[in-house]
Amino acid sequence: MANRDAILGVVFALIAAVGFSAKAILVKLAYIDHVDAVTLLAMRMVFSLPFFAGIALWAGHQHADPLKKHDWYWVFALGLVGYYLSSLLDFLGLQYISAGLERLILFLYPTITVILSALVYKQAIGRKVLAAMVLCYAGIMLVFLHDAGIKQGGSAILGATLVFASTLSYSVYLVGAGHAIGRIGASRFTAYAMIVASAACVLQFFLTRSTDSLNVSLHVYELAVAMAIFSTVMPVLLLSYAIRRIGSGNASLIGSIGPVSTIYLAYVFLQENISLMQITGSSLVLMGVLLISAGSNSTVK
């Protein structure tokens, strides 16, 4: 029974990693049909909303204690920062850089979380972590140079900056979410935060876009549904099941396949080039993140 649980945990973690990675591919495919980032993000969140509403109802029945006022403040604040703002910046950045570079920059969040935790909680950063950070950012620079050589340098800089800001936003969420998740429960907190983010995305759409923006091809709607199910709801649930069976450390290590799978999927579906510089940079980032994640409770998502 233990072996079966371990095997299921590994499979769930692998599927979750590939599901998260596929998001960038689906976004880039949708952009080919000239949909804008705000519209596409709103579509993704609307199609995700029924699933998270169901999870919220289920999780609410599992927890007898109602949320207090300050718990709701945390849900709203972290939902806006960790899911709404982070997703918006990510979608905007994907207009300018490759899917492979986007996933690698997002994969930096353990390094940023370490820095933020050091600043907030006055924790020292060890030499091993500093060395890992040097590897990570050297790797990102190599992949960035690869992208800048293919595209106009200015657009690559803008895209990388937006995605890095997305990573920073998600890292702020991680640093602040620990206490809230401990009080509220992981499933309930995630579901409520995603509902807040969904409402913010839809509100932004109606404030900044006309309904004519929804006159896009059926293919874009299919991609948005796929993004909601296979790159949002499913990997979130599978990752939590994986952590329950094999622990966050093992799930984190398996999650490191994410950037590699993104580069491969981008090669297959988007015809993005794979160069020696890109492979080298990706390897450096993976080595750095694994060094930081080893022995920690963080999960690489």
C-alpha atoms as a PDB file:
ATOM      1  CA  MET A   1       0.000   0.000   0.000  1.00  0.00           C
ATOM      2  CA  ALA A   2       2.865   2.363   0.834  1.00  0.00           C
ATOM      3  CA  ASN A   3       4.534   1.600  -2.508  1.00  0.00           C
ATOM      4  CA  ARG A   4       1.272   2.242  -4.335  1.00  0.00           C
ATOM      5  CA  ASP A   5       0.886   5.605  -2.589  1.00  0.00           C
ATOM      6  CA  ALA A   6       4.476   6.540  -3.449  1.00  0.00           C
ATOM      7  CA  ILE A   7       3.997   5.620  -7.116  1.00  0.00           C
ATOM      8  CA  LEU A   8       0.752   7.602  -7.267  1.00  0.00           C
ATOM      9  CA  GLY A   9       2.486  10.543  -5.602  1.00  0.00           C
ATOM     10  CA  VAL A  10       5.271  10.545  -8.195  1.00  0.00           C
ATOM     11  CA  VAL A  11       2.775  10.282 -11.066  1.00  0.00           C
ATOM     12  CA  PHE A  12       0.626  13.090  -9.654  1.00  0.00           C
ATOM     13  CA  ALA A  13       3.690  15.333  -9.174  1.00  0.00           C
ATOM     14  CA  LEU A  14       4.873  14.677 -12.747  1.00  0.00           C
ATOM     15  CA  ILE A  15       1.455  15.436 -14.240  1.00  0.00           C
ATOM     16  CA  ALA A  16       1.162  18.587 -12.110  1.00  0.00           C
ATOM     17  CA  ALA A  17       4.586  19.821 -13.246  1.00  0.00           C
ATOM     18  CA  VAL A  18       3.762  19.264 -16.913  1.00  0.00           C
ATOM     19  CA  GLY A  19       0.318  20.827 -16.439  1.00  0.00           C
ATOM     20  CA  PHE A  20       1.760  24.007 -14.932  1.00  0.00           C
ATOM     21  CA  SER A  21       4.376  24.133 -17.688  1.00  0.00           C
ATOM     22  CA  ALA A  22       1.795  23.716 -20.449  1.00  0.00           C
ATOM     23  CA  LYS A  23       0.123  27.003 -19.455  1.00  0.00           C
ATOM     24  CA  ALA A  24       2.762  29.056 -21.259  1.00  0.00           C
ATOM     25  CA  ILE A  25       2.314  26.951 -24.410  1.00  0.00           C
ATOM     26  CA  LEU A  26      -1.468  27.412 -24.362  1.00  0.00           C
ATOM     27  CA  VAL A  27      -1.106  31.176 -23.825  1.00  0.00           C
ATOM     28  CA  LYS A  28       1.345  31.517 -26.710  1.00  0.00           C
ATOM     29  CA  LEU A  29      -0.954  29.474 -28.983  1.00  0.00           C
ATOM     30  CA  ALA A  30      -3.886  31.740 -28.064  1.00  0.00           C
ATOM     31  CA  TYR A  31      -1.824  34.855 -28.852  1.00  0.00           C
ATOM     32  CA  ILE A  32      -1.436  33.608 -32.426  1.00  0.00           C
ATOM     33  CA  ASP A  33      -5.181  34.306 -32.822  1.00  0.00           C
ATOM     34  CA  HIS A  34      -4.654  37.926 -31.654  1.00  0.00           C
ATOM     35  CA  VAL A  35      -6.439  37.781 -28.303  1.00  0.00           C
ATOM     36  CA  ASP A  36      -5.121  40.267 -25.737  1.00  0.00           C
ATOM     37  CA  ALA A  37      -3.694  39.308 -22.344  1.00  0.00           C
ATOM     38  CA  VAL A  38      -6.477  40.828 -20.195  1.00  0.00           C
ATOM     39  CA  THR A  39      -9.228  39.071 -22.173  1.00  0.00           C
ATOM     40  CA  LEU A  40      -7.438  35.724 -22.186  1.00  0.00           C
ATOM     41  CA  LEU A  41      -6.732  35.884 -18.456  1.00  0.00           C
ATOM     42  CA  ALA A  42     -10.383  36.712 -17.703  1.00  0.00           C
ATOM     43  CA  MET A  43     -11.499  33.754 -19.844  1.00  0.00           C
ATOM     44  CA  ARG A  44      -9.109  31.416 -18.029  1.00  0.00           C
ATOM     45  CA  MET A  45     -10.332  32.536 -14.608  1.00  0.00           C
ATOM     46  CA  VAL A  46     -14.030  32.371 -15.532  1.00  0.00           C
ATOM     47  CA  PHE A  47     -13.634  28.783 -16.708  1.00  0.00           C
ATOM     48  CA  SER A  48     -11.660  27.931 -13.547  1.00  0.00           C
ATOM     49  CA  LEU A  49     -14.136  29.582 -11.190  1.00  0.00           C
ATOM     50  CA  PRO A  50     -16.789  26.807 -10.980  1.00  0.00           C
ATOM     51  CA  PHE A  51     -14.144  24.278  -9.961  1.00  0.00           C
ATOM     52  CA  PHE A  52     -12.693  26.474  -7.219  1.00  0.00           C
ATOM     53  CA  ALA A  53     -16.186  27.428  -6.030  1.00  0.00           C
ATOM     54  CA  GLY A  54     -16.917  23.726  -5.619  1.00  0.00           C
ATOM     55  CA  ILE A  55     -13.649  23.201  -3.750  1.00  0.00           C
ATOM     56  CA  ALA A  56     -14.463  26.187  -1.511  1.00  0.00           C
ATOM     57  CA  LEU A  57     -17.860  24.708  -0.625  1.00  0.00           C
ATOM     58  CA  TRP A  58     -16.336  21.290   0.075  1.00  0.00           C
ATOM     59  CA  ALA A  59     -13.467  22.745   2.120  1.00  0.00           C
ATOM     60  CA  GLY A  60     -15.896  24.945   4.065  1.00  0.00           C
ATOM     61  CA  HIS A  61     -17.757  21.838   5.231  1.00  0.00           C
ATOM     62  CA  GLN A  62     -14.480  20.182   6.254  1.00  0.00           C
ATOM     63  CA  HIS A  63     -13.532  23.093   8.537  1.00  0.00           C
ATOM     64  CA  ALA A  64     -15.944  23.876  11.342  1.00  0.00           C
ATOM     65  CA  ASP A  65     -14.307  27.168  12.300  1.00  0.00           C
ATOM     66  CA  PRO A  66     -15.593  30.148  10.275  1.00  0.00           C
ATOM     67  CA  LEU A  67     -13.092  32.685   8.959  1.00  0.00           C
ATOM     68  CA  LYS A  68     -12.483  35.729  11.126  1.00  0.00           C
ATOM     69  CA  LYS A  69     -12.271  39.260   9.791  1.00  0.00           C
ATOM     70  CA  HIS A  70      -8.475  39.326   9.642  1.00  0.00           C
ATOM     71  CA  ASP A  71      -8.509  35.931   7.862  1.00  0.00           C
ATOM     72  CA  TRP A  72     -10.633  37.466   5.125  1.00  0.00           C
ATOM     73  CA  TYR A  73      -8.162  40.359   4.869  1.00  0.00           C
ATOM     74  CA  TRP A  74      -5.368  37.850   4.263  1.00  0.00           C
ATOM     75  CA  VAL A  75      -7.436  35.967   1.664  1.00  0.00           C
ATOM     76  CA  PHE A  76      -8.227  39.162  -0.271  1.00  0.00           C
ATOM     77  CA  ALA A  77      -4.731  40.648  -0.039  1.00  0.00           C
ATOM     78  CA  LEU A  78      -2.842  37.480  -0.904  1.00  0.00           C
ATOM     79  CA  GLY A  79      -5.368  36.420  -3.540  1.00  0.00           C
ATOM     80  CA  LEU A  80      -4.856  39.732  -5.319  1.00  0.00           C
ATOM     81  CA  VAL A  81      -1.062  39.664  -5.007  1.00  0.00           C
ATOM     82  CA  GLY A  82      -0.366  35.973  -5.432  1.00  0.00           C
ATOM     83  CA  TYR A  83      -2.844  34.972  -8.122  1.00  0.00           C
ATOM     84  CA  TYR A  84      -4.351  38.028  -9.802  1.00  0.00           C
ATOM     85  CA  LEU A  85      -1.319  40.302 -10.096  1.00  0.00           C
ATOM     86  CA  SER A  86       1.129  37.464 -10.635  1.00  0.00           C
ATOM     87  CA  SER A  87      -1.011  35.942 -13.406  1.00  0.00           C
ATOM     88  CA  LEU A  88      -1.606  39.288 -15.113  1.00  0.00           C
ATOM     89  CA  LEU A  89       2.100  40.152 -15.218  1.00  0.00           C
ATOM     90  CA  ASP A  90       2.905  36.649 -16.459  1.00  0.00           C
ATOM     91  CA  PHE A  91       0.365  36.823 -19.297  1.00  0.00           C
ATOM     92  CA  LEU A  92       1.628  40.271 -20.295  1.00  0.00           C
ATOM     93  CA  GLY A  93       5.238  39.086 -20.264  1.00  0.00           C
ATOM     94  CA  LEU A  94       4.471  36.080 -22.458  1.00  0.00           C
ATOM     95  CA  GLN A  95       3.647  38.484 -25.274  1.00  0.00           C
ATOM     96  CA  TYR A  96       7.361  39.312 -25.567  1.00  0.00           C
ATOM     97  CA  ILE A  97       9.473  36.298 -24.554  1.00  0.00           C
ATOM     98  CA  SER A  98       9.614  32.578 -25.262  1.00  0.00           C
ATOM     99  CA  ALA A  99       7.689  30.038 -23.211  1.00  0.00           C
ATOM    100  CA  GLY A 100      10.985  28.452 -22.123  1.00  0.00           C
ATOM    101  CA  LEU A 101      12.418  31.669 -20.710  1.00  0.00           C
ATOM    102  CA  GLU A 102       9.112  32.482 -18.992  1.00  0.00           C
ATOM    103  CA  ARG A 103       9.057  29.161 -17.153  1.00  0.00           C
ATOM    104  CA  LEU A 104      12.690  29.507 -16.066  1.00  0.00           C
ATOM    105  CA  ILE A 105      12.091  32.996 -14.664  1.00  0.00           C
ATOM    106  CA  LEU A 106       9.014  31.772 -12.787  1.00  0.00           C
ATOM    107  CA  PHE A 107      11.143  28.902 -11.512  1.00  0.00           C
ATOM    108  CA  LEU A 108      13.301  31.444  -9.680  1.00  0.00           C
ATOM    109  CA  TYR A 109      10.690  31.985  -6.993  1.00  0.00           C
ATOM    110  CA  PRO A 110      12.473  29.845  -4.344  1.00  0.00           C
ATOM    111  CA  THR A 111      15.493  32.165  -4.608  1.00  0.00           C
ATOM    112  CA  ILE A 112      13.329  35.278  -4.240  1.00  0.00           C
ATOM    113  CA  THR A 113      11.404  33.707  -1.365  1.00  0.00           C
ATOM    114  CA  VAL A 114      14.694  33.062   0.435  1.00  0.00           C
ATOM    115  CA  ILE A 115      15.720  36.711  -0.004  1.00  0.00           C
ATOM    116  CA  LEU A 116      12.332  38.043   1.138  1.00  0.00           C
ATOM    117  CA  SER A 117      12.291  35.714   4.160  1.00  0.00           C
ATOM    118  CA  ALA A 118      15.775  36.893   5.072  1.00  0.00           C
ATOM    119  CA  LEU A 119      14.611  40.508   4.944  1.00  0.00           C
ATOM    120  CA  VAL A 120      11.302  39.990   6.747  1.00  0.00           C
ATOM    121  CA  TYR A 121      12.359  37.451   9.365  1.00  0.00           C
ATOM    122  CA  LYS A 122      16.001  38.578   9.696  1.00  0.00           C
ATOM    123  CA  GLN A 123      17.302  35.202   8.573  1.00  0.00           C
ATOM    124  CA  ALA A 124      20.883  34.816   7.391  1.00  0.00           C
ATOM    125  CA  ILE A 125      21.515  33.517   3.867  1.00  0.00           C
ATOM    126  CA  GLY A 126      24.146  30.763   3.851  1.00  0.00           C
ATOM    127  CA  ARG A 127      26.974  30.322   1.371  1.00  0.00           C
ATOM    128  CA  LYS A 128      25.298  27.322  -0.244  1.00  0.00           C
ATOM    129  CA  VAL A 129      22.184  29.363  -0.968  1.00  0.00           C
ATOM    130  CA  LEU A 130      24.239  32.269  -2.316  1.00  0.00           C
ATOM    131  CA  ALA A 131      26.103  29.889  -4.639  1.00  0.00           C
ATOM    132  CA  ALA A 132      22.783  28.442  -5.799  1.00  0.00           C
ATOM    133  CA  MET A 133      21.482  31.930  -6.558  1.00  0.00           C
ATOM    134  CA  VAL A 134      24.577  32.703  -8.636  1.00  0.00           C
ATOM    135  CA  LEU A 135      23.906  29.544 -10.674  1.00  0.00           C
ATOM    136  CA  CYS A 136      20.231  30.442 -11.138  1.00  0.00           C
ATOM    137  CA  TYR A 137      20.750  33.998 -12.310  1.00  0.00           C
ATOM    138  CA  ALA A 138      23.714  33.071 -14.522  1.00  0.00           C
ATOM    139  CA  GLY A 139      21.476  30.505 -16.186  1.00  0.00           C
ATOM    140  CA  ILE A 140      18.661  33.002 -16.658  1.00  0.00           C
ATOM    141  CA  MET A 141      21.109  35.436 -18.245  1.00  0.00           C
ATOM    142  CA  LEU A 142      22.211  32.813 -20.784  1.00  0.00           C
ATOM    143  CA  VAL A 143      18.620  31.977 -21.787  1.00  0.00           C
ATOM    144  CA  PHE A 144      17.767  35.689 -21.898  1.00  0.00           C
ATOM    145  CA  LEU A 145      20.677  36.314 -24.260  1.00  0.00           C
ATOM    146  CA  HIS A 146      19.353  33.477 -26.416  1.00  0.00           C
ATOM    147  CA  ASP A 147      15.921  35.152 -26.563  1.00  0.00           C
ATOM    148  CA  ALA A 148      17.367  38.625 -27.121  1.00  0.00           C
ATOM    149  CA  GLY A 149      19.380  37.296 -30.037  1.00  0.00           C
ATOM    150  CA  ILE A 150      16.203  36.007 -31.718  1.00  0.00           C
ATOM    151  CA  LYS A 151      13.915  38.940 -30.929  1.00  0.00           C
ATOM    152  CA  GLN A 152      14.447  42.649 -30.594  1.00  0.00           C
ATOM    153  CA  GLY A 153      16.367  43.300 -27.378  1.00  0.00           C
ATOM    154  CA  GLY A 154      13.918  45.862 -26.007  1.00  0.00           C
ATOM    155  CA  SER A 155      10.907  43.545 -26.194  1.00  0.00           C
ATOM    156  CA  ALA A 156      12.871  40.712 -24.567  1.00  0.00           C
ATOM    157  CA  ILE A 157      13.846  43.018 -21.698  1.00  0.00           C
ATOM    158  CA  LEU A 158      10.232  44.146 -21.233  1.00  0.00           C
ATOM    159  CA  GLY A 159       8.912  40.586 -21.269  1.00  0.00           C
ATOM    160  CA  ALA A 160      11.568  39.295 -18.861  1.00  0.00           C
ATOM    161  CA  THR A 161      10.924  42.233 -16.508  1.00  0.00           C
ATOM    162  CA  LEU A 162       7.174  41.581 -16.461  1.00  0.00           C
ATOM    163  CA  VAL A 163       7.607  37.866 -15.770  1.00  0.00           C
ATOM    164  CA  PHE A 164      10.218  38.583 -13.083  1.00  0.00           C
ATOM    165  CA  ALA A 165       7.719  40.976 -11.465  1.00  0.00           C
ATOM    166  CA  SER A 166       5.180  38.131 -11.634  1.00  0.00           C
ATOM    167  CA  THR A 167       7.669  35.858  -9.853  1.00  0.00           C
ATOM    168  CA  LEU A 168       8.292  38.529  -7.224  1.00  0.00           C
ATOM    169  CA  SER A 169       4.548  38.906  -6.680  1.00  0.00           C
ATOM    170  CA  TYR A 170       4.123  35.151  -6.221  1.00  0.00           C
ATOM    171  CA  SER A 171       7.089  35.060  -3.834  1.00  0.00           C
ATOM    172  CA  VAL A 172       5.470  37.773  -1.691  1.00  0.00           C
ATOM    173  CA  TYR A 173       2.363  35.600  -1.610  1.00  0.00           C
ATOM    174  CA  LEU A 174       4.383  32.569  -0.463  1.00  0.00           C
ATOM    175  CA  VAL A 175       6.091  34.491   2.337  1.00  0.00           C
ATOM    176  CA  GLY A 176       2.779  35.862   3.583  1.00  0.00           C
ATOM    177  CA  ALA A 177       0.631  32.788   3.049  1.00  0.00           C
ATOM    178  CA  GLY A 178       2.264  30.427   5.522  1.00  0.00           C
ATOM    179  CA  HIS A 179       0.493  31.751   8.616  1.00  0.00           C
ATOM    180  CA  ALA A 180      -2.848  32.157   6.816  1.00  0.00           C
ATOM    181  CA  ILE A 181      -2.756  28.631   5.381  1.00  0.00           C
ATOM    182  CA  GLY A 182      -1.984  27.226   8.822  1.00  0.00           C
ATOM    183  CA  ARG A 183      -5.108  28.882  10.239  1.00  0.00           C
ATOM    184  CA  ILE A 184      -7.504  28.511   7.310  1.00  0.00           C
ATOM    185  CA  GLY A 185      -6.373  25.249   5.701  1.00  0.00           C
ATOM    186  CA  ALA A 186      -4.579  24.829   2.383  1.00  0.00           C
ATOM    187  CA  SER A 187      -7.547  23.804   0.210  1.00  0.00           C
ATOM    188  CA  ARG A 188      -9.913  26.400   1.636  1.00  0.00           C
ATOM    189  CA  PHE A 189      -7.346  29.201   1.442  1.00  0.00           C
ATOM    190  CA  THR A 190      -6.332  28.350  -2.151  1.00  0.00           C
ATOM    191  CA  ALA A 191      -9.948  28.111  -3.306  1.00  0.00           C
ATOM    192  CA  TYR A 192     -10.960  31.404  -1.666  1.00  0.00           C
ATOM    193  CA  ALA A 193      -7.849  33.182  -2.974  1.00  0.00           C
ATOM    194  CA  MET A 194      -8.519  31.909  -6.514  1.00  0.00           C
ATOM    195  CA  ILE A 195     -12.134  33.148  -6.312  1.00  0.00           C
ATOM    196  CA  VAL A 196     -10.860  36.602  -5.286  1.00  0.00           C
ATOM    197  CA  ALA A 197      -8.368  36.573  -8.165  1.00  0.00           C
ATOM    198  CA  SER A 198     -11.051  35.456 -10.621  1.00  0.00           C
ATOM    199  CA  ALA A 199     -13.355  38.280  -9.541  1.00  0.00           C
ATOM    200  CA  ALA A 200     -10.504  40.792  -9.946  1.00  0.00           C
ATOM    201  CA  CYS A 201      -9.686  39.509 -13.452  1.00  0.00           C
ATOM    202  CA  VAL A 202     -13.315  39.716 -14.570  1.00  0.00           C
ATOM    203  CA  LEU A 203     -13.703  43.195 -13.043  1.00  0.00           C
ATOM    204  CA  GLN A 204     -10.580  44.388 -14.827  1.00  0.00           C
ATOM    205  CA  PHE A 205     -11.921  43.031 -18.118  1.00  0.00           C
ATOM    206  CA  PHE A 206     -15.232  44.896 -17.825  1.00  0.00           C
ATOM    207  CA  LEU A 207     -13.480  48.110 -16.764  1.00  0.00           C
ATOM    208  CA  THR A 208     -10.866  48.090 -19.537  1.00  0.00           C
ATOM    209  CA  ARG A 209     -12.356  46.081 -22.404  1.00  0.00           C
ATOM    210  CA  SER A 210     -15.617  45.957 -24.318  1.00  0.00           C
ATOM    211  CA  THR A 211     -17.553  42.731 -24.795  1.00  0.00           C
ATOM    212  CA  ASP A 212     -16.440  42.858 -28.431  1.00  0.00           C
ATOM    213  CA  SER A 213     -13.087  41.569 -27.160  1.00  0.00           C
ATOM    214  CA  LEU A 214     -14.810  38.233 -26.591  1.00  0.00           C
ATOM    215  CA  ASN A 215     -15.438  37.884 -30.322  1.00  0.00           C
ATOM    216  CA  VAL A 216     -12.510  35.546 -30.784  1.00  0.00           C
ATOM    217  CA  SER A 217     -12.217  32.218 -32.535  1.00  0.00           C
ATOM    218  CA  LEU A 218     -13.557  28.988 -31.079  1.00  0.00           C
ATOM    219  CA  HIS A 219      -9.930  27.850 -30.899  1.00  0.00           C
ATOM    220  CA  VAL A 220      -9.151  30.550 -28.305  1.00  0.00           C
ATOM    221  CA  TYR A 221     -12.096  29.426 -26.160  1.00  0.00           C
ATOM    222  CA  GLU A 222     -10.875  25.825 -26.396  1.00  0.00           C
ATOM    223  CA  LEU A 223      -7.404  26.909 -25.310  1.00  0.00           C
ATOM    224  CA  ALA A 224      -8.832  28.923 -22.403  1.00  0.00           C
ATOM    225  CA  VAL A 225     -10.856  25.921 -21.207  1.00  0.00           C
ATOM    226  CA  ALA A 226      -7.781  23.700 -21.509  1.00  0.00           C
ATOM    227  CA  MET A 227      -5.768  26.295 -19.574  1.00  0.00           C
ATOM    228  CA  ALA A 228      -8.386  26.401 -16.816  1.00  0.00           C
ATOM    229  CA  ILE A 229      -8.670  22.629 -16.440  1.00  0.00           C
ATOM    230  CA  PHE A 230      -5.264  21.215 -17.319  1.00  0.00           C
ATOM    231  CA  SER A 231      -2.969  24.098 -16.293  1.00  0.00           C
ATOM    232  CA  THR A 232      -4.856  25.571 -13.332  1.00  0.00           C
ATOM    233  CA  VAL A 233      -7.317  23.350 -11.486  1.00  0.00           C
ATOM    234  CA  MET A 234      -5.888  19.890 -12.185  1.00  0.00           C
ATOM    235  CA  PRO A 235      -2.221  20.597 -11.307  1.00  0.00           C
ATOM    236  CA  VAL A 236      -3.197  22.493  -8.135  1.00  0.00           C
ATOM    237  CA  LEU A 237      -5.182  19.488  -6.905  1.00  0.00           C
ATOM    238  CA  LEU A 238      -2.690  16.864  -8.087  1.00  0.00           C
ATOM    239  CA  LEU A 239       0.219  18.687  -6.474  1.00  0.00           C
ATOM    240  CA  SER A 240      -1.565  18.735  -3.113  1.00  0.00           C
ATOM    241  CA  TYR A 241      -2.301  14.994  -3.446  1.00  0.00           C
ATOM    242  CA  ALA A 242       1.342  14.340  -4.390  1.00  0.00           C
ATOM    243  CA  ILE A 243       2.656  16.270  -1.378  1.00  0.00           C
ATOM    244  CA  ARG A 244       0.344  14.265   0.858  1.00  0.00           C
ATOM    245  CA  ARG A 245       1.798  10.978  -0.463  1.00  0.00           C
ATOM    246  CA  ILE A 246       5.516  11.682  -1.010  1.00  0.00           C
ATOM    247  CA  GLY A 247       6.171  14.919   0.892  1.00  0.00           C
ATOM    248  CA  SER A 248       6.889  18.435  -0.312  1.00  0.00           C
ATOM    249  CA  GLY A 249      10.619  17.829  -0.748  1.00  0.00           C
ATOM    250  CA  ASN A 250      10.160  14.956  -3.200  1.00  0.00           C
ATOM    251  CA  ALA A 251       7.352  16.804  -4.996  1.00  0.00           C
ATOM    252  CA  SER A 252       9.690  19.774  -5.300  1.00  0.00           C
ATOM    253  CA  LEU A 253      12.408  17.670  -6.908  1.00  0.00           C
ATOM    254  CA  ILE A 254       9.964  16.133  -9.377  1.00  0.00           C
ATOM    255  CA  GLY A 255       8.611  19.610 -10.148  1.00  0.00           C
ATOM    256  CA  SER A 256      12.024  20.530 -11.517  1.00  0.00           C
ATOM    257  CA  ILE A 257      11.018  18.760 -14.722  1.00  0.00           C
ATOM    258  CA  GLY A 258       8.724  21.748 -15.393  1.00  0.00           C
ATOM    259  CA  PRO A 259      11.151  24.066 -17.226  1.00  0.00           C
ATOM    260  CA  VAL A 260      12.543  21.149 -19.239  1.00  0.00           C
ATOM    261  CA  SER A 261       9.067  20.063 -20.317  1.00  0.00           C
ATOM    262  CA  THR A 262       8.202  23.664 -21.262  1.00  0.00           C
ATOM    263  CA  ILE A 263      11.238  23.926 -23.539  1.00  0.00           C
ATOM    264  CA  TYR A 264      10.369  20.601 -25.178  1.00  0.00           C
ATOM    265  CA  LEU A 265       6.660  21.472 -25.555  1.00  0.00           C
ATOM    266  CA  ALA A 266       7.598  24.867 -26.994  1.00  0.00           C
ATOM    267  CA  TYR A 267       9.829  23.130 -29.531  1.00  0.00           C
ATOM    268  CA  VAL A 268       7.014  20.752 -30.555  1.00  0.00           C
ATOM    269  CA  PHE A 269       4.008  23.110 -30.554  1.00  0.00           C
ATOM    270  CA  LEU A 270       5.520  26.566 -31.073  1.00  0.00           C
ATOM    271  CA  GLN A 271       8.615  25.690 -33.127  1.00  0.00           C
ATOM    272  CA  GLU A 272      10.802  27.558 -30.633  1.00  0.00           C
ATOM    273  CA  ASN A 273      14.492  26.818 -31.175  1.00  0.00           C
ATOM    274  CA  ILE A 274      16.534  24.816 -28.687  1.00  0.00           C
ATOM    275  CA  SER A 275      20.136  26.020 -28.568  1.00  0.00           C
ATOM    276  CA  LEU A 276      23.188  24.911 -26.578  1.00  0.00           C
ATOM    277  CA  MET A 277      23.040  28.258 -24.735  1.00  0.00           C
ATOM    278  CA  GLN A 278      19.442  27.573 -23.731  1.00  0.00           C
ATOM    279  CA  ILE A 279      20.225  24.035 -22.544  1.00  0.00           C
ATOM    280  CA  THR A 280      23.225  25.265 -20.537  1.00  0.00           C
ATOM    281  CA  GLY A 281      21.254  28.101 -18.950  1.00  0.00           C
ATOM    282  CA  SER A 282      18.351  25.800 -18.091  1.00  0.00           C
ATOM    283  CA  SER A 283      20.727  23.317 -16.462  1.00  0.00           C
ATOM    284  CA  LEU A 284      22.266  26.047 -14.300  1.00  0.00           C
ATOM    285  CA  VAL A 285      18.835  27.241 -13.137  1.00  0.00           C
ATOM    286  CA  LEU A 286      17.725  23.696 -12.322  1.00  0.00           C
ATOM    287  CA  MET A 287      20.913  23.023 -10.357  1.00  0.00           C
ATOM    288  CA  GLY A 288      20.522  26.235  -8.390  1.00  0.00           C
ATOM    289  CA  VAL A 289      16.863  25.717  -7.532  1.00  0.00           C
ATOM    290  CA  LEU A 290      17.443  22.097  -6.529  1.00  0.00           C
ATOM    291  CA  LEU A 291      20.259  23.212  -4.207  1.00  0.00           C
ATOM    292  CA  ILE A 292      17.934  25.709  -2.529  1.00  0.00           C
ATOM    293  CA  SER A 293      14.955  23.335  -2.430  1.00  0.00           C
ATOM    294  CA  ALA A 294      16.869  20.314  -1.054  1.00  0.00           C
ATOM    295  CA  GLY A 295      15.850  19.794   2.524  1.00  0.00           C
ATOM    296  CA  SER A 296      13.318  22.638   2.501  1.00  0.00           C
ATOM    297  CA  ASN A 297       9.539  22.505   2.594  1.00  0.00           C
ATOM    298  CA  SER A 298       9.004  24.630  -0.490  1.00  0.00           C
ATOM    299  CA  THR A 299       7.466  23.210  -3.625  1.00  0.00           C
ATOM    300  CA  VAL A 300       8.638  24.167  -7.076  1.00  0.00           C
ATOM    301  CA  LYS A 301       5.541  24.901  -9.065  1.00  0.00           C
END
